[in-house]
Protein backbone atom coordinates (compact mmCIF):
# COMPACT_ATOMS: atom_id res chain seq x y z
CA MET A 1 -1.38 -3.41 49.74
CA PRO A 2 -5.07 -2.28 49.67
CA ARG A 3 -5.75 0.91 47.67
CA LYS A 4 -6.90 2.99 50.67
CA TYR A 5 -3.63 2.53 52.49
CA ARG A 6 -1.29 3.54 49.43
CA LYS A 7 0.79 6.70 49.88
CA LYS A 8 -0.21 9.47 47.57
CA GLY A 9 2.82 11.47 46.31
CA ARG A 10 5.13 11.60 43.55
CA PRO A 11 4.88 8.80 40.98
CA ILE A 12 7.71 6.56 40.89
CA GLY A 13 9.66 6.69 37.47
CA LYS A 14 12.00 8.69 35.55
CA ASP A 15 9.59 11.74 35.08
CA ARG A 16 9.60 12.62 38.83
CA ARG A 17 12.58 14.81 38.66
CA PHE A 18 10.92 17.40 36.27
CA SER A 19 9.21 20.38 37.48
CA ILE A 20 7.81 23.30 35.40
CA ARG A 21 7.51 26.86 37.05
CA SER A 22 6.20 29.85 35.16
CA GLU A 23 8.27 32.97 35.05
CA LEU A 24 6.62 36.19 34.57
CA ARG A 25 8.50 38.51 32.15
CA LYS A 26 7.91 41.86 30.59
CA GLN A 27 9.00 40.89 27.28
CA PRO A 28 8.82 37.36 25.93
CA ASP A 29 12.09 35.69 24.86
CA ILE A 30 11.71 36.10 21.03
CA GLN A 31 14.79 34.01 20.30
CA LYS A 32 13.54 30.97 22.21
CA ILE A 33 10.10 31.26 20.55
CA ALA A 34 11.61 31.57 17.14
CA LYS A 35 13.89 28.59 17.77
CA ALA A 36 10.94 26.46 18.87
CA VAL A 37 8.78 27.43 15.91
CA VAL A 38 11.54 26.76 13.37
CA ALA A 39 12.06 23.33 15.04
CA LEU A 40 8.46 22.49 14.90
CA ALA A 41 8.38 23.60 11.14
CA ILE A 42 11.36 21.40 10.34
CA ALA A 43 9.89 18.51 12.00
CA GLN A 44 6.59 18.95 10.26
CA ALA A 45 8.44 19.25 6.83
CA GLU A 46 10.50 16.02 7.51
CA ALA A 47 7.16 14.19 8.43
CA GLU A 48 5.41 15.42 5.24
CA ALA A 49 8.38 14.45 3.01
CA GLU A 50 8.56 11.05 4.48
CA LYS A 51 4.83 10.58 4.17
CA GLN A 52 5.20 11.71 0.47
CA THR A 53 8.12 9.26 -0.09
CA GLU A 54 6.13 6.39 1.41
CA ALA A 55 3.15 7.34 -0.87
CA ALA A 56 5.42 7.31 -3.89
CA GLN A 57 6.98 4.07 -3.18
CA THR A 58 3.55 2.42 -2.51
CA SER A 59 2.23 3.73 -5.94
CA LYS A 60 5.30 2.56 -7.67
CA GLN A 61 4.84 -1.02 -6.28
CA GLU A 62 1.22 -1.04 -7.23
CA ARG A 63 1.99 -0.03 -10.85
CA ALA A 64 4.66 -2.74 -10.96
CA GLN A 65 2.19 -5.33 -9.65
CA ASP A 66 -0.57 -4.29 -12.16
CA GLY A 67 1.97 -4.55 -15.10
CA GLY A 68 2.00 -0.78 -15.84
CA PRO A 69 5.15 0.88 -16.90
CA PRO A 70 7.44 1.62 -14.09
CA ASP A 71 8.55 5.09 -13.32
CA ALA A 72 12.30 5.92 -13.73
């Protein structure tokens, strides 16, 4: 079908059922905000720990290939 005849509307796919609407509140929901911040902090800490673990394994493998003393 040529481009100029295509229907414009919702995209076809899984995401079409989601909608976001703002809700004006006098006071923010502190508990929801706190849960979101804690979840982000945990995810960031896990990512950093994984990165450090990978770096340690890489350096350990490099030392083993160079003939240096392996770490315990």
